[in-house]
PDB file of N, CA and C in Angstrom:
ATOM      1  N   UNK A   1      29.839 124.772-197.128  1.00  0.00           N
ATOM      2  CA  UNK A   1      28.569 124.925-196.443  1.00  0.00           C
ATOM      3  C   UNK A   1      28.005 123.519-196.190  1.00  0.00           C
ATOM      4  N   UNK A   2      27.488 123.269-195.005  1.00  0.00           N
ATOM      5  CA  UNK A   2      26.941 121.946-194.686  1.00  0.00           C
ATOM      6  C   UNK A   2      25.783 121.557-195.605  1.00  0.00           C
ATOM      7  N   UNK A   3      25.719 120.256-195.909  1.00  0.00           N
ATOM      8  CA  UNK A   3      24.660 119.699-196.741  1.00  0.00           C
ATOM      9  C   UNK A   3      23.810 118.742-195.922  1.00  0.00           C
ATOM     10  N   UNK A   4      22.527 118.742-196.223  1.00  0.00           N
ATOM     11  CA  UNK A   4      21.591 117.845-195.546  1.00  0.00           C
ATOM     12  C   UNK A   4      20.695 117.193-196.581  1.00  0.00           C
ATOM     13  N   UNK A   5      20.347 115.958-196.330  1.00  0.00           N
ATOM     14  CA  UNK A   5      19.364 115.254-197.140  1.00  0.00           C
ATOM     15  C   UNK A   5      18.135 115.086-196.262  1.00  0.00           C
ATOM     16  N   UNK A   6      17.008 115.543-196.773  1.00  0.00           N
ATOM     17  CA  UNK A   6      15.746 115.481-196.032  1.00  0.00           C
ATOM     18  C   UNK A   6      14.784 114.599-196.818  1.00  0.00           C
ATOM     19  N   UNK A   7      14.178 113.647-196.126  1.00  0.00           N
ATOM     20  CA  UNK A   7      13.158 112.812-196.751  1.00  0.00           C
ATOM     21  C   UNK A   7      11.866 112.946-195.963  1.00  0.00           C
ATOM     22  N   UNK A   8      10.773 112.635-196.622  1.00  0.00           N
ATOM     23  CA  UNK A   8       9.490 112.689-195.946  1.00  0.00           C
ATOM     24  C   UNK A   8       8.388 112.143-196.826  1.00  0.00           C
ATOM     25  N   UNK A   9       7.188 112.185-196.297  1.00  0.00           N
ATOM     26  CA  UNK A   9       6.018 111.667-196.997  1.00  0.00           C
ATOM     27  C   UNK A   9       4.915 112.719-196.984  1.00  0.00           C
ATOM     28  N   UNK A  10       4.121 112.708-198.038  1.00  0.00           N
ATOM     29  CA  UNK A  10       2.954 113.575-198.082  1.00  0.00           C
ATOM     30  C   UNK A  10       1.812 112.917-197.305  1.00  0.00           C
ATOM     31  N   UNK A  11       1.033 113.722-196.622  1.00  0.00           N
ATOM     32  CA  UNK A  11      -0.129 113.208-195.900  1.00  0.00           C
ATOM     33  C   UNK A  11      -1.262 112.981-196.902  1.00  0.00           C
ATOM     34  N   UNK A  12      -2.269 112.242-196.463  1.00  0.00           N
ATOM     35  CA  UNK A  12      -3.423 111.974-197.329  1.00  0.00           C
ATOM     36  C   UNK A  12      -4.107 113.272-197.749  1.00  0.00           C
ATOM     37  N   UNK A  13      -4.214 114.218-196.828  1.00  0.00           N
ATOM     38  CA  UNK A  13      -4.870 115.488-197.185  1.00  0.00           C
ATOM     39  C   UNK A  13      -4.045 116.267-198.209  1.00  0.00           C
ATOM     40  N   UNK A  14      -2.720 116.189-198.118  1.00  0.00           N
ATOM     41  CA  UNK A  14      -1.873 116.863-199.109  1.00  0.00           C
ATOM     42  C   UNK A  14      -2.030 116.205-200.474  1.00  0.00           C
ATOM     43  N   UNK A  15      -2.076 114.867-200.491  1.00  0.00           N
ATOM     44  CA  UNK A  15      -2.242 114.171-201.771  1.00  0.00           C
ATOM     45  C   UNK A  15      -3.584 114.507-202.405  1.00  0.00           C
ATOM     46  N   UNK A  16      -4.618 114.585-201.581  1.00  0.00           N
ATOM     47  CA  UNK A  16      -5.945 114.950-202.083  1.00  0.00           C
ATOM     48  C   UNK A  16      -5.888 116.341-202.719  1.00  0.00           C
ATOM     49  N   UNK A  17      -5.246 117.273-202.049  1.00  0.00           N
ATOM     50  CA  UNK A  17      -5.128 118.638-202.565  1.00  0.00           C
ATOM     51  C   UNK A  17      -4.314 118.675-203.857  1.00  0.00           C
ATOM     52  N   UNK A  18      -3.251 117.843-203.950  1.00  0.00           N
ATOM     53  CA  UNK A  18      -2.433 117.816-205.165  1.00  0.00           C
ATOM     54  C   UNK A  18      -3.203 117.230-206.341  1.00  0.00           C
ATOM     55  N   UNK A  19      -4.062 116.252-206.072  1.00  0.00           N
ATOM     56  CA  UNK A  19      -4.886 115.673-207.139  1.00  0.00           C
ATOM     57  C   UNK A  19      -5.906 116.704-207.633  1.00  0.00           C
ATOM     58  N   UNK A  20      -6.508 117.412-206.697  1.00  0.00           N
ATOM     59  CA  UNK A  20      -7.538 118.392-207.047  1.00  0.00           C
ATOM     60  C   UNK A  20      -6.959 119.652-207.685  1.00  0.00           C
ATOM     61  N   UNK A  21      -5.733 120.023-207.274  1.00  0.00           N
ATOM     62  CA  UNK A  21      -5.123 121.253-207.763  1.00  0.00           C
ATOM     63  C   UNK A  21      -3.606 121.041-207.862  1.00  0.00           C
ATOM     64  N   UNK A  22      -3.137 120.413-208.951  1.00  0.00           N
ATOM     65  CA  UNK A  22      -1.704 120.123-209.082  1.00  0.00           C
ATOM     66  C   UNK A  22      -0.848 121.387-208.912  1.00  0.00           C
ATOM     67  N   UNK A  23       0.292 121.209-208.244  1.00  0.00           N
ATOM     68  CA  UNK A  23       1.190 122.345-208.013  1.00  0.00           C
ATOM     69  C   UNK A  23       2.633 121.871-208.066  1.00  0.00           C
ATOM     70  N   UNK A  24       3.529 122.790-208.285  1.00  0.00           N
ATOM     71  CA  UNK A  24       4.959 122.504-208.367  1.00  0.00           C
ATOM     72  C   UNK A  24       5.522 122.395-206.958  1.00  0.00           C
ATOM     73  N   UNK A  25       5.707 121.197-206.486  1.00  0.00           N
ATOM     74  CA  UNK A  25       6.185 120.992-205.113  1.00  0.00           C
ATOM     75  C   UNK A  25       7.666 121.348-204.981  1.00  0.00           C
ATOM     76  N   UNK A  26       8.424 121.258-206.070  1.00  0.00           N
ATOM     77  CA  UNK A  26       9.822 121.684-206.002  1.00  0.00           C
ATOM     78  C   UNK A  26       9.902 123.176-205.721  1.00  0.00           C
ATOM     79  N   UNK A  27       9.060 123.956-206.372  1.00  0.00           N
ATOM     80  CA  UNK A  27       9.046 125.405-206.138  1.00  0.00           C
ATOM     81  C   UNK A  27       8.662 125.704-204.692  1.00  0.00           C
ATOM     82  N   UNK A  28       7.712 124.953-204.168  1.00  0.00           N
ATOM     83  CA  UNK A  28       7.300 125.150-202.773  1.00  0.00           C
ATOM     84  C   UNK A  28       8.444 124.812-201.826  1.00  0.00           C
ATOM     85  N   UNK A  29       9.154 123.713-202.102  1.00  0.00           N
ATOM     86  CA  UNK A  29      10.290 123.327-201.263  1.00  0.00           C
ATOM     87  C   UNK A  29      11.402 124.369-201.351  1.00  0.00           C
ATOM     88  N   UNK A  30      11.661 124.853-202.562  1.00  0.00           N
ATOM     89  CA  UNK A  30      12.709 125.870-202.759  1.00  0.00           C
ATOM     90  C   UNK A  30      12.382 127.138-201.966  1.00  0.00           C
ATOM     91  N   UNK A  31      11.138 127.562-202.019  1.00  0.00           N
ATOM     92  CA  UNK A  31      10.712 128.754-201.296  1.00  0.00           C
ATOM     93  C   UNK A  31      10.923 128.595-199.794  1.00  0.00           C
ATOM     94  N   UNK A  32      10.564 127.438-199.276  1.00  0.00           N
ATOM     95  CA  UNK A  32      10.729 127.162-197.848  1.00  0.00           C
ATOM     96  C   UNK A  32      12.211 127.160-197.452  1.00  0.00           C
ATOM     97  N   UNK A  33      13.028 126.453-198.216  1.00  0.00           N
ATOM     98  CA  UNK A  33      14.461 126.357-197.909  1.00  0.00           C
ATOM     99  C   UNK A  33      15.106 127.735-197.978  1.00  0.00           C
ATOM    100  N   UNK A  34      14.762 128.517-198.977  1.00  0.00           N
ATOM    101  CA  UNK A  34      15.338 129.860-199.101  1.00  0.00           C
ATOM    102  C   UNK A  34      14.883 130.767-197.958  1.00  0.00           C
ATOM    103  N   UNK A  35      13.632 130.628-197.531  1.00  0.00           N
ATOM    104  CA  UNK A  35      13.148 131.419-196.395  1.00  0.00           C
ATOM    105  C   UNK A  35      13.906 131.075-195.119  1.00  0.00           C
ATOM    106  N   UNK A  36      14.379 129.831-195.038  1.00  0.00           N
ATOM    107  CA  UNK A  36      15.159 129.396-193.876  1.00  0.00           C
ATOM    108  C   UNK A  36      16.629 129.791-193.995  1.00  0.00           C
ATOM    109  N   UNK A  37      17.027 130.321-195.157  1.00  0.00           N
ATOM    110  CA  UNK A  37      18.406 130.768-195.341  1.00  0.00           C
ATOM    111  C   UNK A  37      19.289 129.789-196.081  1.00  0.00           C
ATOM    112  N   UNK A  38      18.699 128.780-196.712  1.00  0.00           N
ATOM    113  CA  UNK A  38      19.490 127.769-197.404  1.00  0.00           C
ATOM    114  C   UNK A  38      19.274 127.781-198.903  1.00  0.00           C
ATOM    115  N   UNK A  39      19.871 126.788-199.557  1.00  0.00           N
ATOM    116  CA  UNK A  39      19.742 126.591-200.991  1.00  0.00           C
ATOM    117  C   UNK A  39      19.263 125.170-201.253  1.00  0.00           C
ATOM    118  N   UNK A  40      18.237 125.039-202.060  1.00  0.00           N
ATOM    119  CA  UNK A  40      17.761 123.726-202.466  1.00  0.00           C
ATOM    120  C   UNK A  40      18.614 123.271-203.638  1.00  0.00           C
ATOM    121  N   UNK A  41      19.400 122.214-203.439  1.00  0.00           N
ATOM    122  CA  UNK A  41      20.270 121.709-204.504  1.00  0.00           C
ATOM    123  C   UNK A  41      19.555 120.721-205.404  1.00  0.00           C
ATOM    124  N   UNK A  42      18.678 119.901-204.821  1.00  0.00           N
ATOM    125  CA  UNK A  42      17.940 118.945-205.644  1.00  0.00           C
ATOM    126  C   UNK A  42      16.633 118.575-204.964  1.00  0.00           C
ATOM    127  N   UNK A  43      15.688 118.149-205.789  1.00  0.00           N
ATOM    128  CA  UNK A  43      14.365 117.746-205.317  1.00  0.00           C
ATOM    129  C   UNK A  43      13.948 116.540-206.143  1.00  0.00           C
ATOM    130  N   UNK A  44      13.608 115.459-205.465  1.00  0.00           N
ATOM    131  CA  UNK A  44      13.173 114.253-206.165  1.00  0.00           C
ATOM    132  C   UNK A  44      11.915 113.697-205.514  1.00  0.00           C
ATOM    133  N   UNK A  45      10.989 113.242-206.353  1.00  0.00           N
ATOM    134  CA  UNK A  45       9.884 112.431-205.877  1.00  0.00           C
ATOM    135  C   UNK A  45      10.402 110.999-205.904  1.00  0.00           C
ATOM    136  N   UNK A  46      10.134 110.239-204.857  1.00  0.00           N
ATOM    137  CA  UNK A  46      10.745 108.928-204.728  1.00  0.00           C
ATOM    138  C   UNK A  46       9.698 107.841-204.483  1.00  0.00           C
ATOM    139  N   UNK A  47      10.115 106.621-204.719  1.00  0.00           N
ATOM    140  CA  UNK A  47       9.286 105.467-204.401  1.00  0.00           C
ATOM    141  C   UNK A  47       9.828 104.842-203.121  1.00  0.00           C
ATOM    142  N   UNK A  48       9.055 103.962-202.524  1.00  0.00           N
ATOM    143  CA  UNK A  48       9.518 103.288-201.318  1.00  0.00           C
ATOM    144  C   UNK A  48       8.924 103.915-200.077  1.00  0.00           C
ATOM    145  N   UNK A  49       9.713 103.992-199.022  1.00  0.00           N
ATOM    146  CA  UNK A  49       9.232 104.472-197.725  1.00  0.00           C
ATOM    147  C   UNK A  49       8.950 105.970-197.688  1.00  0.00           C
ATOM    148  N   UNK A  50       9.535 106.718-198.617  1.00  0.00           N
ATOM    149  CA  UNK A  50       9.373 108.172-198.627  1.00  0.00           C
ATOM    150  C   UNK A  50       8.826 108.639-199.965  1.00  0.00           C
ATOM    151  N   UNK A  51       8.119 109.761-199.934  1.00  0.00           N
ATOM    152  CA  UNK A  51       7.562 110.329-201.159  1.00  0.00           C
ATOM    153  C   UNK A  51       8.494 111.332-201.821  1.00  0.00           C
ATOM    154  N   UNK A  52       9.394 111.931-201.038  1.00  0.00           N
ATOM    155  CA  UNK A  52      10.308 112.921-201.608  1.00  0.00           C
ATOM    156  C   UNK A  52      11.641 112.900-200.878  1.00  0.00           C
ATOM    157  N   UNK A  53      12.646 113.417-201.579  1.00  0.00           N
ATOM    158  CA  UNK A  53      13.990 113.570-201.033  1.00  0.00           C
ATOM    159  C   UNK A  53      14.544 114.875-201.564  1.00  0.00           C
ATOM    160  N   UNK A  54      15.057 115.722-200.669  1.00  0.00           N
ATOM    161  CA  UNK A  54      15.675 116.976-201.092  1.00  0.00           C
ATOM    162  C   UNK A  54      17.087 117.046-200.538  1.00  0.00           C
ATOM    163  N   UNK A  55      17.952 117.732-201.276  1.00  0.00           N
ATOM    164  CA  UNK A  55      19.306 118.006-200.783  1.00  0.00           C
ATOM    165  C   UNK A  55      19.415 119.506-200.606  1.00  0.00           C
ATOM    166  N   UNK A  56      19.821 119.911-199.406  1.00  0.00           N
ATOM    167  CA  UNK A  56      19.852 121.314-199.007  1.00  0.00           C
ATOM    168  C   UNK A  56      21.247 121.680-198.529  1.00  0.00           C
ATOM    169  N   UNK A  57      21.711 122.879-198.877  1.00  0.00           N
ATOM    170  CA  UNK A  57      22.895 123.443-198.226  1.00  0.00           C
ATOM    171  C   UNK A  57      22.404 124.612-197.386  1.00  0.00           C
ATOM    172  N   UNK A  58      22.900 124.655-196.154  1.00  0.00           N
ATOM    173  CA  UNK A  58      22.490 125.714-195.228  1.00  0.00           C
ATOM    174  C   UNK A  58      23.547 125.804-194.133  1.00  0.00           C
ATOM    175  N   UNK A  59      23.860 127.013-193.711  1.00  0.00           N
ATOM    176  CA  UNK A  59      24.896 127.222-192.707  1.00  0.00           C
ATOM    177  C   UNK A  59      24.491 126.738-191.317  1.00  0.00           C
ATOM    178  N   UNK A  60      23.251 126.913-190.963  1.00  0.00           N
ATOM    179  CA  UNK A  60      22.820 126.644-189.596  1.00  0.00           C
ATOM    180  C   UNK A  60      21.723 125.580-189.585  1.00  0.00           C
ATOM    181  N   UNK A  61      22.015 124.443-188.991  1.00  0.00           N
ATOM    182  CA  UNK A  61      21.033 123.353-188.923  1.00  0.00           C
ATOM    183  C   UNK A  61      19.776 123.770-188.182  1.00  0.00           C
ATOM    184  N   UNK A  62      19.892 124.688-187.231  1.00  0.00           N
ATOM    185  CA  UNK A  62      18.694 125.114-186.512  1.00  0.00           C
ATOM    186  C   UNK A  62      17.729 125.845-187.436  1.00  0.00           C
ATOM    187  N   UNK A  63      18.264 126.557-188.437  1.00  0.00           N
ATOM    188  CA  UNK A  63      17.399 127.208-189.415  1.00  0.00           C
ATOM    189  C   UNK A  63      16.673 126.172-190.267  1.00  0.00           C
ATOM    190  N   UNK A  64      17.391 125.115-190.644  1.00  0.00           N
ATOM    191  CA  UNK A  64      16.770 124.043-191.413  1.00  0.00           C
ATOM    192  C   UNK A  64      15.658 123.374-190.606  1.00  0.00           C
ATOM    193  N   UNK A  65      15.942 123.060-189.365  1.00  0.00           N
ATOM    194  CA  UNK A  65      14.941 122.409-188.517  1.00  0.00           C
ATOM    195  C   UNK A  65      13.724 123.316-188.333  1.00  0.00           C
ATOM    196  N   UNK A  66      13.953 124.607-188.196  1.00  0.00           N
ATOM    197  CA  UNK A  66      12.830 125.545-188.084  1.00  0.00           C
ATOM    198  C   UNK A  66      11.945 125.489-189.320  1.00  0.00           C
ATOM    199  N   UNK A  67      12.554 125.458-190.488  1.00  0.00           N
ATOM    200  CA  UNK A  67      11.794 125.349-191.724  1.00  0.00           C
ATOM    201  C   UNK A  67      11.022 124.050-191.811  1.00  0.00           C
ATOM    202  N   UNK A  68      11.646 122.971-191.374  1.00  0.00           N
ATOM    203  CA  UNK A  68      10.970 121.668-191.399  1.00  0.00           C
ATOM    204  C   UNK A  68       9.824 121.623-190.389  1.00  0.00           C
ATOM    205  N   UNK A  69      10.010 122.292-189.270  1.00  0.00           N
ATOM    206  CA  UNK A  69       8.917 122.370-188.294  1.00  0.00           C
ATOM    207  C   UNK A  69       7.716 123.092-188.902  1.00  0.00           C
ATOM    208  N   UNK A  70       7.982 124.173-189.632  1.00  0.00           N
ATOM    209  CA  UNK A  70       6.895 124.917-190.279  1.00  0.00           C
ATOM    210  C   UNK A  70       6.183 124.028-191.296  1.00  0.00           C
ATOM    211  N   UNK A  71       6.955 123.243-192.038  1.00  0.00           N
ATOM    212  CA  UNK A  71       6.365 122.337-193.020  1.00  0.00           C
ATOM    213  C   UNK A  71       5.522 121.274-192.333  1.00  0.00           C
ATOM    214  N   UNK A  72       6.074 120.652-191.299  1.00  0.00           N
ATOM    215  CA  UNK A  72       5.333 119.625-190.570  1.00  0.00           C
ATOM    216  C   UNK A  72       4.079 120.175-189.928  1.00  0.00           C
ATOM    217  N   UNK A  73       4.156 121.386-189.413  1.00  0.00           N
ATOM    218  CA  UNK A  73       3.002 122.000-188.753  1.00  0.00           C
ATOM    219  C   UNK A  73       1.867 122.287-189.735  1.00  0.00           C
ATOM    220  N   UNK A  74       2.194 122.379-191.020  1.00  0.00           N
ATOM    221  CA  UNK A  74       1.161 122.634-192.028  1.00  0.00           C
ATOM    222  C   UNK A  74       0.235 121.442-192.209  1.00  0.00           C
ATOM    223  N   UNK A  75       0.695 120.270-191.780  1.00  0.00           N
ATOM    224  CA  UNK A  75      -0.099 119.061-191.952  1.00  0.00           C
ATOM    225  C   UNK A  75       0.059 118.420-193.318  1.00  0.00           C
ATOM    226  N   UNK A  76       0.925 118.976-194.173  1.00  0.00           N
ATOM    227  CA  UNK A  76       1.091 118.459-195.528  1.00  0.00           C
ATOM    228  C   UNK A  76       2.085 117.308-195.629  1.00  0.00           C
ATOM    229  N   UNK A  77       2.994 117.220-194.667  1.00  0.00           N
ATOM    230  CA  UNK A  77       4.025 116.181-194.718  1.00  0.00           C
ATOM    231  C   UNK A  77       4.139 115.483-193.368  1.00  0.00           C
ATOM    232  N   UNK A  78       4.698 114.289-193.424  1.00  0.00           N
ATOM    233  CA  UNK A  78       4.956 113.531-192.200  1.00  0.00           C
ATOM    234  C   UNK A  78       6.253 112.749-192.371  1.00  0.00           C
ATOM    235  N   UNK A  79       6.691 112.142-191.306  1.00  0.00           N
ATOM    236  CA  UNK A  79       7.863 111.264-191.337  1.00  0.00           C
ATOM    237  C   UNK A  79       9.113 111.975-191.869  1.00  0.00           C
ATOM    238  N   UNK A  80       9.295 113.238-191.492  1.00  0.00           N
ATOM    239  CA  UNK A  80      10.474 113.981-191.936  1.00  0.00           C
ATOM    240  C   UNK A  80      11.727 113.434-191.258  1.00  0.00           C
ATOM    241  N   UNK A  81      12.748 113.208-192.065  1.00  0.00           N
ATOM    242  CA  UNK A  81      14.040 112.735-191.550  1.00  0.00           C
ATOM    243  C   UNK A  81      15.130 113.581-192.185  1.00  0.00           C
ATOM    244  N   UNK A  82      16.099 113.953-191.380  1.00  0.00           N
ATOM    245  CA  UNK A  82      17.193 114.801-191.843  1.00  0.00           C
ATOM    246  C   UNK A  82      18.515 114.117-191.521  1.00  0.00           C
ATOM    247  N   UNK A  83      19.389 114.035-192.505  1.00  0.00           N
ATOM    248  CA  UNK A  83      20.729 113.491-192.265  1.00  0.00           C
ATOM    249  C   UNK A  83      21.758 114.465-192.828  1.00  0.00           C
ATOM    250  N   UNK A  84      22.880 114.560-192.143  1.00  0.00           N
ATOM    251  CA  UNK A  84      23.982 115.413-192.597  1.00  0.00           C
ATOM    252  C   UNK A  84      24.755 114.634-193.638  1.00  0.00           C
ATOM    253  N   UNK A  85      25.080 115.256-194.749  1.00  0.00           N
ATOM    254  CA  UNK A  85      25.811 114.615-195.833  1.00  0.00           C
ATOM    255  C   UNK A  85      27.182 115.269-195.986  1.00  0.00           C
ATOM    256  N   UNK A  86      28.181 114.445-196.311  1.00  0.00           N
ATOM    257  CA  UNK A  86      29.551 114.926-196.478  1.00  0.00           C
ATOM    258  C   UNK A  86      30.076 114.519-197.852  1.00  0.00           C
ATOM    259  N   UNK A  87      30.870 115.386-198.456  1.00  0.00           N
ATOM    260  CA  UNK A  87      31.506 115.056-199.731  1.00  0.00           C
ATOM    261  C   UNK A  87      32.674 114.114-199.468  1.00  0.00           C
ATOM    262  N   UNK A  88      33.175 113.518-200.529  1.00  0.00           N
ATOM    263  CA  UNK A  88      34.337 112.642-200.413  1.00  0.00           C
ATOM    264  C   UNK A  88      35.548 113.421-199.889  1.00  0.00           C
ATOM    265  N   UNK A  89      35.725 114.661-200.342  1.00  0.00           N
ATOM    266  CA  UNK A  89      36.846 115.483-199.865  1.00  0.00           C
ATOM    267  C   UNK A  89      36.726 115.758-198.361  1.00  0.00           C
ATOM    268  N   UNK A  90      35.513 116.044-197.909  1.00  0.00           N
ATOM    269  CA  UNK A  90      35.305 116.279-196.470  1.00  0.00           C
ATOM    270  C   UNK A  90      35.629 115.012-195.669  1.00  0.00           C
ATOM    271  N   UNK A  91      35.229 113.863-196.197  1.00  0.00           N
ATOM    272  CA  UNK A  91      35.491 112.609-195.487  1.00  0.00           C
ATOM    273  C   UNK A  91      36.985 112.290-195.463  1.00  0.00           C
ATOM    274  N   UNK A  92      37.691 112.591-196.543  1.00  0.00           N
ATOM    275  CA  UNK A  92      39.145 112.388-196.560  1.00  0.00           C
ATOM    276  C   UNK A  92      39.808 113.249-195.491  1.00  0.00           C
ATOM    277  N   UNK A  93      39.373 114.495-195.353  1.00  0.00           N
ATOM    278  CA  UNK A  93      39.922 115.381-194.320  1.00  0.00           C
ATOM    279  C   UNK A  93      39.619 114.825-192.922  1.00  0.00           C
ATOM    280  N   UNK A  94      38.436 114.252-192.729  1.00  0.00           N
ATOM    281  CA  UNK A  94      38.094 113.650-191.432  1.00  0.00           C
ATOM    282  C   UNK A  94      39.010 112.482-191.114  1.00  0.00           C
ATOM    283  N   UNK A  95      39.315 111.681-192.124  1.00  0.00           N
ATOM    284  CA  UNK A  95      40.215 110.547-191.912  1.00  0.00           C
ATOM    285  C   UNK A  95      41.599 111.016-191.481  1.00  0.00           C
ATOM    286  N   UNK A  96      42.077 112.067-192.137  1.00  0.00           N
ATOM    287  CA  UNK A  96      43.392 112.622-191.788  1.00  0.00           C
ATOM    288  C   UNK A  96      43.380 113.131-190.350  1.00  0.00           C
ATOM    289  N   UNK A  97      42.351 113.863-189.993  1.00  0.00           N
ATOM    290  CA  UNK A  97      42.241 114.397-188.638  1.00  0.00           C
ATOM    291  C   UNK A  97      42.130 113.266-187.616  1.00  0.00           C
ATOM    292  N   UNK A  98      41.378 112.227-187.951  1.00  0.00           N
ATOM    293  CA  UNK A  98      41.234 111.079-187.040  1.00  0.00           C
ATOM    294  C   UNK A  98      42.590 110.418-186.790  1.00  0.00           C
ATOM    295  N   UNK A  99      43.407 110.345-187.828  1.00  0.00           N
ATOM    296  CA  UNK A  99      44.744 109.771-187.665  1.00  0.00           C
ATOM    297  C   UNK A  99      45.589 110.583-186.707  1.00  0.00           C
ATOM    298  N   UNK A 100      45.473 111.908-186.750  1.00  0.00           N
ATOM    299  CA  UNK A 100      46.218 112.775-185.834  1.00  0.00           C
ATOM    300  C   UNK A 100      45.684 112.650-184.409  1.00  0.00           C
ATOM    301  N   UNK A 101      44.363 112.616-184.267  1.00  0.00           N
ATOM    302  CA  UNK A 101      43.753 112.486-182.942  1.00  0.00           C
ATOM    303  C   UNK A 101      44.109 111.133-182.330  1.00  0.00           C
ATOM    304  N   UNK A 102      44.160 110.096-183.162  1.00  0.00           N
ATOM    305  CA  UNK A 102      44.452 108.746-182.661  1.00  0.00           C
ATOM    306  C   UNK A 102      45.812 108.683-181.965  1.00  0.00           C
ATOM    307  N   UNK A 103      46.759 109.523-182.363  1.00  0.00           N
ATOM    308  CA  UNK A 103      48.081 109.544-181.742  1.00  0.00           C
ATOM    309  C   UNK A 103      48.007 109.977-180.288  1.00  0.00           C
ATOM    310  N   UNK A 104      46.990 110.740-179.921  1.00  0.00           N
ATOM    311  CA  UNK A 104      46.841 111.234-178.552  1.00  0.00           C
ATOM    312  C   UNK A 104      46.029 110.297-177.665  1.00  0.00           C
ATOM    313  N   UNK A 105      45.419 109.269-178.253  1.00  0.00           N
ATOM    314  CA  UNK A 105      44.526 108.372-177.519  1.00  0.00           C
ATOM    315  C   UNK A 105      45.262 107.132-177.064  1.00  0.00           C
ATOM    316  N   UNK A 106      44.996 106.741-175.825  1.00  0.00           N
ATOM    317  CA  UNK A 106      45.540 105.494-175.305  1.00  0.00           C
ATOM    318  C   UNK A 106      44.352 104.596-174.946  1.00  0.00           C
ATOM    319  N   UNK A 107      44.273 103.467-175.607  1.00  0.00           N
ATOM    320  CA  UNK A 107      43.192 102.524-175.357  1.00  0.00           C
ATOM    321  C   UNK A 107      43.371 101.882-173.981  1.00  0.00           C
ATOM    322  N   UNK A 108      42.291 101.431-173.352  1.00  0.00           N
ATOM    323  CA  UNK A 108      42.402 100.767-172.050  1.00  0.00           C
ATOM    324  C   UNK A 108      43.396  99.603-172.125  1.00  0.00           C
ATOM    325  N   UNK A 109      44.241  99.498-171.138  1.00  0.00           N
ATOM    326  CA  UNK A 109      45.227  98.428-171.086  1.00  0.00           C
ATOM    327  C   UNK A 109      46.491  98.717-171.856  1.00  0.00           C
ATOM    328  N   UNK A 110      46.579  99.913-172.475  1.00  0.00           N
ATOM    329  CA  UNK A 110      47.786 100.247-173.242  1.00  0.00           C
ATOM    330  C   UNK A 110      48.849 100.829-172.351  1.00  0.00           C
TER     331      UNK A 110
END
């Protein structure tokens, strides 16, 4: 199943709400991901450019994007970024396939 890493930041209004009424943001993220048809594999609060990072497995990227749109529309998060992640085994298979495809390719001037 495809894996995605999603990062983002909490908005000022979300931080204000979390200070006034602390809540389990991992549970909220899990609920959202599951509603979109995926599985939340990990949830981390982070330092630096982003406030959180989650790892999600989901069959359909459009379902993930729909869930992220719902989150962004809430006004609680901003700067959402999604990247597709591959395991080492998946990357090894890609290398093998690339080697086979390369046999069919002729570079300019060849």
